[in-house]
Amino acid sequence: MDGFRVAEELRKTDPAAFDLLMQVPLYCHFRDDDHDIRYRVPAIRLGPDGAVTEVRFSIAVMGTLNVPGHLMAAVYGAHRKFAALLRDPRFEVRFRLNPGDMMVFDNRRVLHGRTAFDAATGHRRLRGIYVDHDILDSRIRVLRQALEGERLRA
């Protein structure tokens, strides 16, 4: 699901809900033996040109909303509207991965999940890896600098 497209639909159909999701930070967290991930950011972020640049919306890692009482009902309402759009089949893309297939996507744009699986029909195994944006951006800059250095020496 293209989170940017869904965010734009929310902006078009309910600008007040969009603004709340852009302004009110969410506390999200995930912890296990190898990870302790915590962040506090709005569900929707915009770039300098006003275009959506990031969508973070995961009920699985979302913590308690910590907003002033007078905003509570509106923030919960905005979350419900966004979640409903995220379940709307108009924005859904479904396909089957076969053994050996690999999928790469931007986790701050693409919201993803899996459908139900009947274990009696076979086995399911999915391996996932997450790459932090800052690490990826750093690597791209280093590689560009190395490439530019090669061009200067040639």
N, C-alpha and C. Protein backbone atom coordinates (compact mmCIF):
# COMPACT_ATOMS: atom_id res chain seq x y z
N MET A 1 0.84 -1.16 0.00
CA MET A 1 0.00 0.00 0.00
C MET A 1 0.89 1.23 0.00
N ASP A 2 0.60 2.17 -0.87
CA ASP A 2 1.37 3.41 -0.95
C ASP A 2 0.84 4.37 0.11
N GLY A 3 1.57 4.48 1.20
CA GLY A 3 1.16 5.35 2.29
C GLY A 3 1.05 6.81 1.87
N PHE A 4 1.88 7.24 0.91
CA PHE A 4 1.82 8.62 0.44
C PHE A 4 0.46 8.87 -0.24
N ARG A 5 0.02 7.91 -1.05
CA ARG A 5 -1.25 8.06 -1.76
C ARG A 5 -2.41 8.11 -0.75
N VAL A 6 -2.35 7.27 0.27
CA VAL A 6 -3.40 7.26 1.28
C VAL A 6 -3.39 8.57 2.07
N ALA A 7 -2.19 9.07 2.41
CA ALA A 7 -2.10 10.34 3.12
C ALA A 7 -2.69 11.48 2.28
N GLU A 8 -2.41 11.47 0.98
CA GLU A 8 -2.97 12.51 0.10
C GLU A 8 -4.50 12.41 0.02
N GLU A 9 -5.01 11.19 0.04
CA GLU A 9 -6.47 11.00 0.05
C GLU A 9 -7.06 11.58 1.34
N LEU A 10 -6.39 11.36 2.47
CA LEU A 10 -6.85 11.93 3.73
C LEU A 10 -6.79 13.45 3.68
N ARG A 11 -5.71 13.99 3.11
CA ARG A 11 -5.58 15.46 3.00
C ARG A 11 -6.75 16.03 2.20
N LYS A 12 -7.13 15.31 1.14
CA LYS A 12 -8.22 15.76 0.26
C LYS A 12 -9.59 15.63 0.94
N THR A 13 -9.83 14.52 1.65
CA THR A 13 -11.16 14.23 2.19
C THR A 13 -11.38 14.76 3.61
N ASP A 14 -10.29 14.92 4.38
CA ASP A 14 -10.42 15.41 5.75
C ASP A 14 -9.15 16.17 6.14
N PRO A 15 -9.03 17.41 5.66
CA PRO A 15 -7.81 18.19 5.93
C PRO A 15 -7.49 18.35 7.42
N ALA A 16 -8.51 18.43 8.26
CA ALA A 16 -8.26 18.59 9.70
C ALA A 16 -7.61 17.34 10.28
N ALA A 17 -8.07 16.16 9.88
CA ALA A 17 -7.46 14.91 10.34
C ALA A 17 -6.03 14.81 9.83
N PHE A 18 -5.82 15.17 8.58
CA PHE A 18 -4.47 15.16 7.99
C PHE A 18 -3.55 16.06 8.81
N ASP A 19 -4.01 17.28 9.11
CA ASP A 19 -3.18 18.22 9.87
C ASP A 19 -2.83 17.67 11.25
N LEU A 20 -3.78 17.04 11.92
CA LEU A 20 -3.49 16.45 13.22
C LEU A 20 -2.42 15.36 13.12
N LEU A 21 -2.55 14.49 12.12
CA LEU A 21 -1.56 13.41 11.97
C LEU A 21 -0.19 13.95 11.55
N MET A 22 -0.18 15.14 11.01
CA MET A 22 1.07 15.77 10.63
C MET A 22 1.71 16.52 11.81
N GLN A 23 0.89 16.93 12.76
CA GLN A 23 1.39 17.77 13.86
C GLN A 23 1.57 17.04 15.18
N VAL A 24 0.72 16.06 15.47
CA VAL A 24 0.75 15.40 16.78
C VAL A 24 1.70 14.19 16.72
N PRO A 25 2.77 14.21 17.49
CA PRO A 25 3.70 13.07 17.45
C PRO A 25 3.13 11.81 18.11
N LEU A 26 3.52 10.69 17.55
CA LEU A 26 3.15 9.39 18.10
C LEU A 26 4.36 8.81 18.82
N TYR A 27 4.11 8.14 19.90
CA TYR A 27 5.18 7.40 20.56
C TYR A 27 5.09 5.96 20.08
N CYS A 28 6.16 5.48 19.48
CA CYS A 28 6.20 4.10 19.00
C CYS A 28 7.40 3.40 19.61
N HIS A 29 7.24 2.10 19.86
CA HIS A 29 8.34 1.36 20.46
C HIS A 29 8.23 -0.12 20.11
N PHE A 30 9.39 -0.75 20.07
CA PHE A 30 9.48 -2.20 19.86
C PHE A 30 10.73 -2.65 20.60
N ARG A 31 10.59 -3.73 21.36
CA ARG A 31 11.74 -4.23 22.11
C ARG A 31 11.72 -5.74 22.13
N ASP A 32 12.89 -6.31 21.86
CA ASP A 32 13.11 -7.74 22.05
C ASP A 32 14.57 -7.90 22.49
N ASP A 33 15.10 -9.11 22.43
CA ASP A 33 16.47 -9.34 22.91
C ASP A 33 17.51 -8.55 22.12
N ASP A 34 17.24 -8.27 20.85
CA ASP A 34 18.23 -7.62 19.99
C ASP A 34 17.90 -6.17 19.64
N HIS A 35 16.73 -5.70 20.00
CA HIS A 35 16.31 -4.37 19.57
C HIS A 35 15.65 -3.60 20.71
N ASP A 36 15.85 -2.31 20.67
CA ASP A 36 15.15 -1.40 21.57
C ASP A 36 14.89 -0.14 20.75
N ILE A 37 13.84 -0.17 19.97
CA ILE A 37 13.53 0.90 19.04
C ILE A 37 12.47 1.79 19.67
N ARG A 38 12.75 3.08 19.70
CA ARG A 38 11.80 4.05 20.24
C ARG A 38 11.88 5.31 19.41
N TYR A 39 10.74 5.86 19.08
CA TYR A 39 10.73 7.16 18.41
C TYR A 39 9.42 7.86 18.67
N ARG A 40 9.47 9.16 18.54
CA ARG A 40 8.29 10.00 18.75
C ARG A 40 8.24 10.95 17.56
N VAL A 41 7.37 10.64 16.62
CA VAL A 41 7.25 11.43 15.39
C VAL A 41 5.78 11.45 14.96
N PRO A 42 5.41 12.46 14.17
CA PRO A 42 4.05 12.45 13.61
C PRO A 42 3.89 11.30 12.62
N ALA A 43 2.66 10.88 12.40
CA ALA A 43 2.39 9.79 11.45
C ALA A 43 2.69 10.22 10.03
N ILE A 44 2.53 11.51 9.74
CA ILE A 44 2.75 12.03 8.39
C ILE A 44 3.74 13.20 8.47
N ARG A 45 4.74 13.16 7.60
CA ARG A 45 5.70 14.26 7.51
C ARG A 45 5.70 14.81 6.09
N LEU A 46 5.91 16.12 6.03
CA LEU A 46 5.96 16.80 4.73
C LEU A 46 7.34 17.37 4.49
N GLY A 47 7.70 17.49 3.22
CA GLY A 47 8.93 18.16 2.84
C GLY A 47 8.70 19.65 2.70
N PRO A 48 9.76 20.40 2.39
CA PRO A 48 9.64 21.86 2.26
C PRO A 48 8.63 22.29 1.19
N ASP A 49 8.41 21.44 0.20
CA ASP A 49 7.47 21.77 -0.87
C ASP A 49 6.02 21.39 -0.54
N GLY A 50 5.80 20.84 0.66
CA GLY A 50 4.45 20.46 1.08
C GLY A 50 4.05 19.06 0.68
N ALA A 51 4.91 18.35 -0.02
CA ALA A 51 4.62 16.96 -0.43
C ALA A 51 4.88 16.01 0.73
N VAL A 52 4.11 14.94 0.79
CA VAL A 52 4.32 13.92 1.82
C VAL A 52 5.66 13.25 1.57
N THR A 53 6.49 13.17 2.62
CA THR A 53 7.80 12.54 2.49
C THR A 53 7.96 11.31 3.39
N GLU A 54 7.03 11.14 4.34
CA GLU A 54 7.17 10.02 5.27
C GLU A 54 5.82 9.70 5.89
N VAL A 55 5.52 8.41 5.97
CA VAL A 55 4.32 7.93 6.66
C VAL A 55 4.76 6.84 7.62
N ARG A 56 4.40 6.99 8.88
CA ARG A 56 4.68 5.98 9.90
C ARG A 56 3.36 5.70 10.61
N PHE A 57 2.86 4.50 10.41
CA PHE A 57 1.58 4.16 11.03
C PHE A 57 1.54 2.66 11.22
N SER A 58 1.85 2.22 12.42
CA SER A 58 1.85 0.80 12.73
C SER A 58 1.21 0.59 14.10
N ILE A 59 0.03 0.03 14.08
CA ILE A 59 -0.67 -0.24 15.34
C ILE A 59 0.18 -1.15 16.23
N ALA A 60 0.96 -2.05 15.60
CA ALA A 60 1.75 -3.02 16.36
C ALA A 60 2.80 -2.37 17.25
N VAL A 61 3.34 -1.21 16.86
CA VAL A 61 4.39 -0.57 17.65
C VAL A 61 3.94 0.74 18.29
N MET A 62 2.70 1.15 18.02
CA MET A 62 2.21 2.41 18.55
C MET A 62 1.96 2.30 20.05
N GLY A 63 2.46 3.27 20.77
CA GLY A 63 2.25 3.33 22.20
C GLY A 63 1.01 4.14 22.54
N THR A 64 0.91 4.51 23.78
CA THR A 64 -0.21 5.30 24.27
C THR A 64 -0.13 6.71 23.71
N LEU A 65 -1.27 7.22 23.27
CA LEU A 65 -1.31 8.60 22.81
C LEU A 65 -1.17 9.53 24.01
N ASN A 66 -0.31 10.51 23.88
CA ASN A 66 -0.10 11.46 24.96
C ASN A 66 -0.36 12.85 24.39
N VAL A 67 -1.64 13.23 24.40
CA VAL A 67 -2.03 14.53 23.84
C VAL A 67 -2.91 15.25 24.86
N PRO A 68 -2.98 16.57 24.75
CA PRO A 68 -3.86 17.31 25.67
C PRO A 68 -5.30 16.81 25.56
N GLY A 69 -6.00 16.84 26.66
CA GLY A 69 -7.36 16.32 26.72
C GLY A 69 -8.29 16.89 25.68
N HIS A 70 -8.16 18.18 25.40
CA HIS A 70 -9.07 18.80 24.44
C HIS A 70 -8.83 18.32 23.00
N LEU A 71 -7.69 17.68 22.75
CA LEU A 71 -7.40 17.15 21.40
C LEU A 71 -7.66 15.65 21.28
N MET A 72 -7.87 14.99 22.40
CA MET A 72 -7.93 13.52 22.41
C MET A 72 -8.95 12.97 21.42
N ALA A 73 -10.18 13.42 21.46
CA ALA A 73 -11.22 12.87 20.57
C ALA A 73 -10.87 13.11 19.11
N ALA A 74 -10.35 14.30 18.79
CA ALA A 74 -10.01 14.62 17.40
C ALA A 74 -8.83 13.77 16.92
N VAL A 75 -7.83 13.55 17.78
CA VAL A 75 -6.67 12.75 17.38
C VAL A 75 -7.08 11.29 17.18
N TYR A 76 -7.87 10.75 18.09
CA TYR A 76 -8.36 9.39 17.90
C TYR A 76 -9.20 9.28 16.63
N GLY A 77 -10.01 10.29 16.36
CA GLY A 77 -10.81 10.30 15.14
C GLY A 77 -9.94 10.32 13.90
N ALA A 78 -8.88 11.11 13.92
CA ALA A 78 -7.96 11.17 12.78
C ALA A 78 -7.29 9.82 12.57
N HIS A 79 -6.91 9.16 13.65
CA HIS A 79 -6.30 7.83 13.54
C HIS A 79 -7.27 6.83 12.94
N ARG A 80 -8.51 6.88 13.39
CA ARG A 80 -9.52 5.95 12.86
C ARG A 80 -9.74 6.18 11.36
N LYS A 81 -9.82 7.43 10.94
CA LYS A 81 -10.02 7.72 9.52
C LYS A 81 -8.84 7.25 8.69
N PHE A 82 -7.64 7.50 9.17
CA PHE A 82 -6.45 7.07 8.42
C PHE A 82 -6.39 5.55 8.37
N ALA A 83 -6.65 4.89 9.48
CA ALA A 83 -6.63 3.42 9.52
C ALA A 83 -7.68 2.85 8.58
N ALA A 84 -8.85 3.47 8.51
CA ALA A 84 -9.90 2.98 7.60
C ALA A 84 -9.45 3.11 6.15
N LEU A 85 -8.81 4.22 5.81
CA LEU A 85 -8.30 4.37 4.44
C LEU A 85 -7.21 3.34 4.15
N LEU A 86 -6.40 3.04 5.15
CA LEU A 86 -5.33 2.06 4.95
C LEU A 86 -5.88 0.65 4.73
N ARG A 87 -7.12 0.41 5.12
CA ARG A 87 -7.76 -0.88 4.87
C ARG A 87 -8.65 -0.86 3.63
N ASP A 88 -8.76 0.28 3.00
CA ASP A 88 -9.62 0.43 1.83
C ASP A 88 -9.01 -0.32 0.64
N PRO A 89 -9.74 -1.26 0.04
CA PRO A 89 -9.21 -2.04 -1.08
C PRO A 89 -8.75 -1.18 -2.27
N ARG A 90 -9.24 0.05 -2.40
CA ARG A 90 -8.79 0.92 -3.50
C ARG A 90 -7.29 1.17 -3.45
N PHE A 91 -6.71 1.11 -2.28
CA PHE A 91 -5.30 1.43 -2.12
C PHE A 91 -4.43 0.19 -1.93
N GLU A 92 -5.03 -0.97 -1.98
CA GLU A 92 -4.33 -2.22 -1.71
C GLU A 92 -3.72 -2.81 -2.97
N VAL A 93 -2.56 -3.39 -2.81
CA VAL A 93 -1.92 -4.15 -3.88
C VAL A 93 -1.61 -5.51 -3.29
N ARG A 94 -2.06 -6.56 -3.95
CA ARG A 94 -1.80 -7.92 -3.44
C ARG A 94 -1.07 -8.73 -4.51
N PHE A 95 -0.13 -9.51 -4.08
CA PHE A 95 0.54 -10.44 -4.98
C PHE A 95 1.20 -11.53 -4.15
N ARG A 96 1.54 -12.58 -4.81
CA ARG A 96 2.13 -13.74 -4.13
C ARG A 96 3.62 -13.78 -4.43
N LEU A 97 4.39 -13.92 -3.36
CA LEU A 97 5.83 -14.14 -3.52
C LEU A 97 6.08 -15.63 -3.61
N ASN A 98 6.94 -16.01 -4.49
CA ASN A 98 7.30 -17.42 -4.66
C ASN A 98 8.64 -17.68 -3.99
N PRO A 99 8.96 -18.94 -3.71
CA PRO A 99 10.26 -19.24 -3.10
C PRO A 99 11.39 -18.61 -3.90
N GLY A 100 12.28 -17.92 -3.19
CA GLY A 100 13.41 -17.26 -3.82
C GLY A 100 13.14 -15.82 -4.21
N ASP A 101 11.90 -15.37 -4.19
CA ASP A 101 11.58 -13.99 -4.52
C ASP A 101 12.08 -13.05 -3.43
N MET A 102 12.46 -11.86 -3.85
CA MET A 102 12.90 -10.85 -2.90
C MET A 102 12.12 -9.57 -3.19
N MET A 103 11.79 -8.87 -2.14
CA MET A 103 11.06 -7.61 -2.28
C MET A 103 11.79 -6.55 -1.48
N VAL A 104 11.95 -5.38 -2.07
CA VAL A 104 12.59 -4.25 -1.40
C VAL A 104 11.64 -3.07 -1.51
N PHE A 105 11.43 -2.39 -0.40
CA PHE A 105 10.57 -1.20 -0.43
C PHE A 105 10.96 -0.24 0.67
N ASP A 106 10.51 0.98 0.51
CA ASP A 106 10.75 2.04 1.48
C ASP A 106 9.72 1.90 2.59
N ASN A 107 10.17 1.54 3.77
CA ASN A 107 9.29 1.26 4.90
C ASN A 107 8.62 2.52 5.47
N ARG A 108 9.03 3.68 4.99
CA ARG A 108 8.37 4.91 5.43
C ARG A 108 7.44 5.44 4.35
N ARG A 109 7.23 4.62 3.33
CA ARG A 109 6.24 4.94 2.31
C ARG A 109 5.26 3.79 2.12
N VAL A 110 5.78 2.60 2.06
CA VAL A 110 4.95 1.42 1.80
C VAL A 110 4.54 0.80 3.12
N LEU A 111 3.24 0.67 3.33
CA LEU A 111 2.72 -0.02 4.50
C LEU A 111 2.40 -1.43 4.05
N HIS A 112 2.85 -2.41 4.80
CA HIS A 112 2.78 -3.78 4.30
C HIS A 112 2.23 -4.72 5.36
N GLY A 113 1.80 -5.86 4.89
CA GLY A 113 1.29 -6.90 5.78
C GLY A 113 1.16 -8.19 5.01
N ARG A 114 0.65 -9.18 5.67
CA ARG A 114 0.45 -10.48 5.03
C ARG A 114 -0.99 -10.91 5.26
N THR A 115 -1.49 -11.68 4.33
CA THR A 115 -2.85 -12.20 4.48
C THR A 115 -2.80 -13.45 5.36
N ALA A 116 -3.96 -13.92 5.73
CA ALA A 116 -4.05 -15.13 6.56
C ALA A 116 -3.43 -16.31 5.80
N PHE A 117 -2.96 -17.28 6.55
CA PHE A 117 -2.30 -18.43 5.96
C PHE A 117 -2.81 -19.70 6.64
N ASP A 118 -3.17 -20.67 5.84
CA ASP A 118 -3.62 -21.97 6.35
C ASP A 118 -2.42 -22.91 6.36
N ALA A 119 -1.93 -23.25 7.54
CA ALA A 119 -0.74 -24.09 7.67
C ALA A 119 -0.94 -25.48 7.06
N ALA A 120 -2.18 -25.92 6.90
CA ALA A 120 -2.45 -27.23 6.30
C ALA A 120 -2.14 -27.24 4.81
N THR A 121 -1.98 -26.04 4.20
CA THR A 121 -1.73 -25.99 2.76
C THR A 121 -0.25 -25.92 2.41
N GLY A 122 0.62 -25.87 3.40
CA GLY A 122 2.06 -25.81 3.12
C GLY A 122 2.78 -25.06 4.21
N HIS A 123 3.98 -24.62 3.88
CA HIS A 123 4.82 -23.92 4.85
C HIS A 123 5.02 -22.48 4.39
N ARG A 124 5.16 -21.61 5.35
CA ARG A 124 5.45 -20.22 5.04
C ARG A 124 6.68 -19.81 5.81
N ARG A 125 7.62 -19.22 5.10
CA ARG A 125 8.81 -18.71 5.75
C ARG A 125 9.16 -17.39 5.09
N LEU A 126 9.30 -16.38 5.90
CA LEU A 126 9.61 -15.06 5.40
C LEU A 126 10.76 -14.50 6.22
N ARG A 127 11.77 -14.06 5.53
CA ARG A 127 12.89 -13.42 6.21
C ARG A 127 12.84 -11.93 5.90
N GLY A 128 13.02 -11.14 6.91
CA GLY A 128 12.98 -9.70 6.72
C GLY A 128 14.22 -9.03 7.26
N ILE A 129 14.55 -7.91 6.68
CA ILE A 129 15.65 -7.09 7.17
C ILE A 129 15.25 -5.64 6.99
N TYR A 130 15.60 -4.83 7.94
CA TYR A 130 15.30 -3.41 7.87
C TYR A 130 16.62 -2.65 7.82
N VAL A 131 16.68 -1.67 6.96
CA VAL A 131 17.86 -0.82 6.83
C VAL A 131 17.44 0.59 7.21
N ASP A 132 18.13 1.16 8.16
CA ASP A 132 17.83 2.51 8.61
C ASP A 132 18.12 3.52 7.50
N HIS A 133 17.23 4.48 7.32
CA HIS A 133 17.41 5.50 6.29
C HIS A 133 18.73 6.24 6.44
N ASP A 134 19.11 6.59 7.66
CA ASP A 134 20.34 7.35 7.86
C ASP A 134 21.56 6.55 7.41
N ILE A 135 21.57 5.25 7.68
CA ILE A 135 22.69 4.40 7.26
C ILE A 135 22.72 4.30 5.73
N LEU A 136 21.58 4.13 5.12
CA LEU A 136 21.50 4.05 3.66
C LEU A 136 21.96 5.36 3.03
N ASP A 137 21.46 6.49 3.54
CA ASP A 137 21.86 7.79 3.00
C ASP A 137 23.36 7.99 3.15
N SER A 138 23.91 7.60 4.28
CA SER A 138 25.35 7.71 4.51
C SER A 138 26.14 6.91 3.48
N ARG A 139 25.71 5.67 3.24
CA ARG A 139 26.42 4.80 2.30
C ARG A 139 26.39 5.37 0.88
N ILE A 140 25.25 5.91 0.50
CA ILE A 140 25.12 6.51 -0.83
C ILE A 140 26.07 7.69 -0.96
N ARG A 141 26.16 8.54 0.06
CA ARG A 141 27.07 9.69 0.01
C ARG A 141 28.52 9.23 -0.11
N VAL A 142 28.91 8.23 0.68
CA VAL A 142 30.28 7.73 0.64
C VAL A 142 30.59 7.15 -0.75
N LEU A 143 29.68 6.38 -1.30
CA LEU A 143 29.91 5.81 -2.62
C LEU A 143 29.99 6.89 -3.70
N ARG A 144 29.15 7.92 -3.60
CA ARG A 144 29.22 9.04 -4.56
C ARG A 144 30.56 9.75 -4.47
N GLN A 145 31.01 9.98 -3.24
CA GLN A 145 32.31 10.65 -3.06
C GLN A 145 33.43 9.81 -3.64
N ALA A 146 33.38 8.49 -3.43
CA ALA A 146 34.40 7.60 -3.98
C ALA A 146 34.36 7.62 -5.51
N LEU A 147 33.17 7.61 -6.07
CA LEU A 147 33.02 7.64 -7.52
C LEU A 147 33.54 8.96 -8.09
N GLU A 148 33.23 10.07 -7.43
CA GLU A 148 33.74 11.37 -7.87
C GLU A 148 35.25 11.42 -7.78
N GLY A 149 35.83 10.83 -6.73
CA GLY A 149 37.28 10.77 -6.58
C GLY A 149 37.91 9.96 -7.70
N GLU A 150 37.29 8.86 -8.09
CA GLU A 150 37.79 8.05 -9.20
C GLU A 150 37.77 8.85 -10.50
N ARG A 151 36.71 9.62 -10.71
CA ARG A 151 36.61 10.43 -11.93
C ARG A 151 37.70 11.48 -11.97
N LEU A 152 38.01 12.09 -10.82
CA LEU A 152 39.04 13.13 -10.76
C LEU A 152 40.43 12.55 -11.04
N ARG A 153 40.67 11.30 -10.60
CA ARG A 153 41.99 10.68 -10.79
C ARG A 153 42.16 10.16 -12.22
N ALA A 154 41.08 9.95 -12.93
CA ALA A 154 41.15 9.36 -14.29
C ALA A 154 41.54 10.38 -15.32
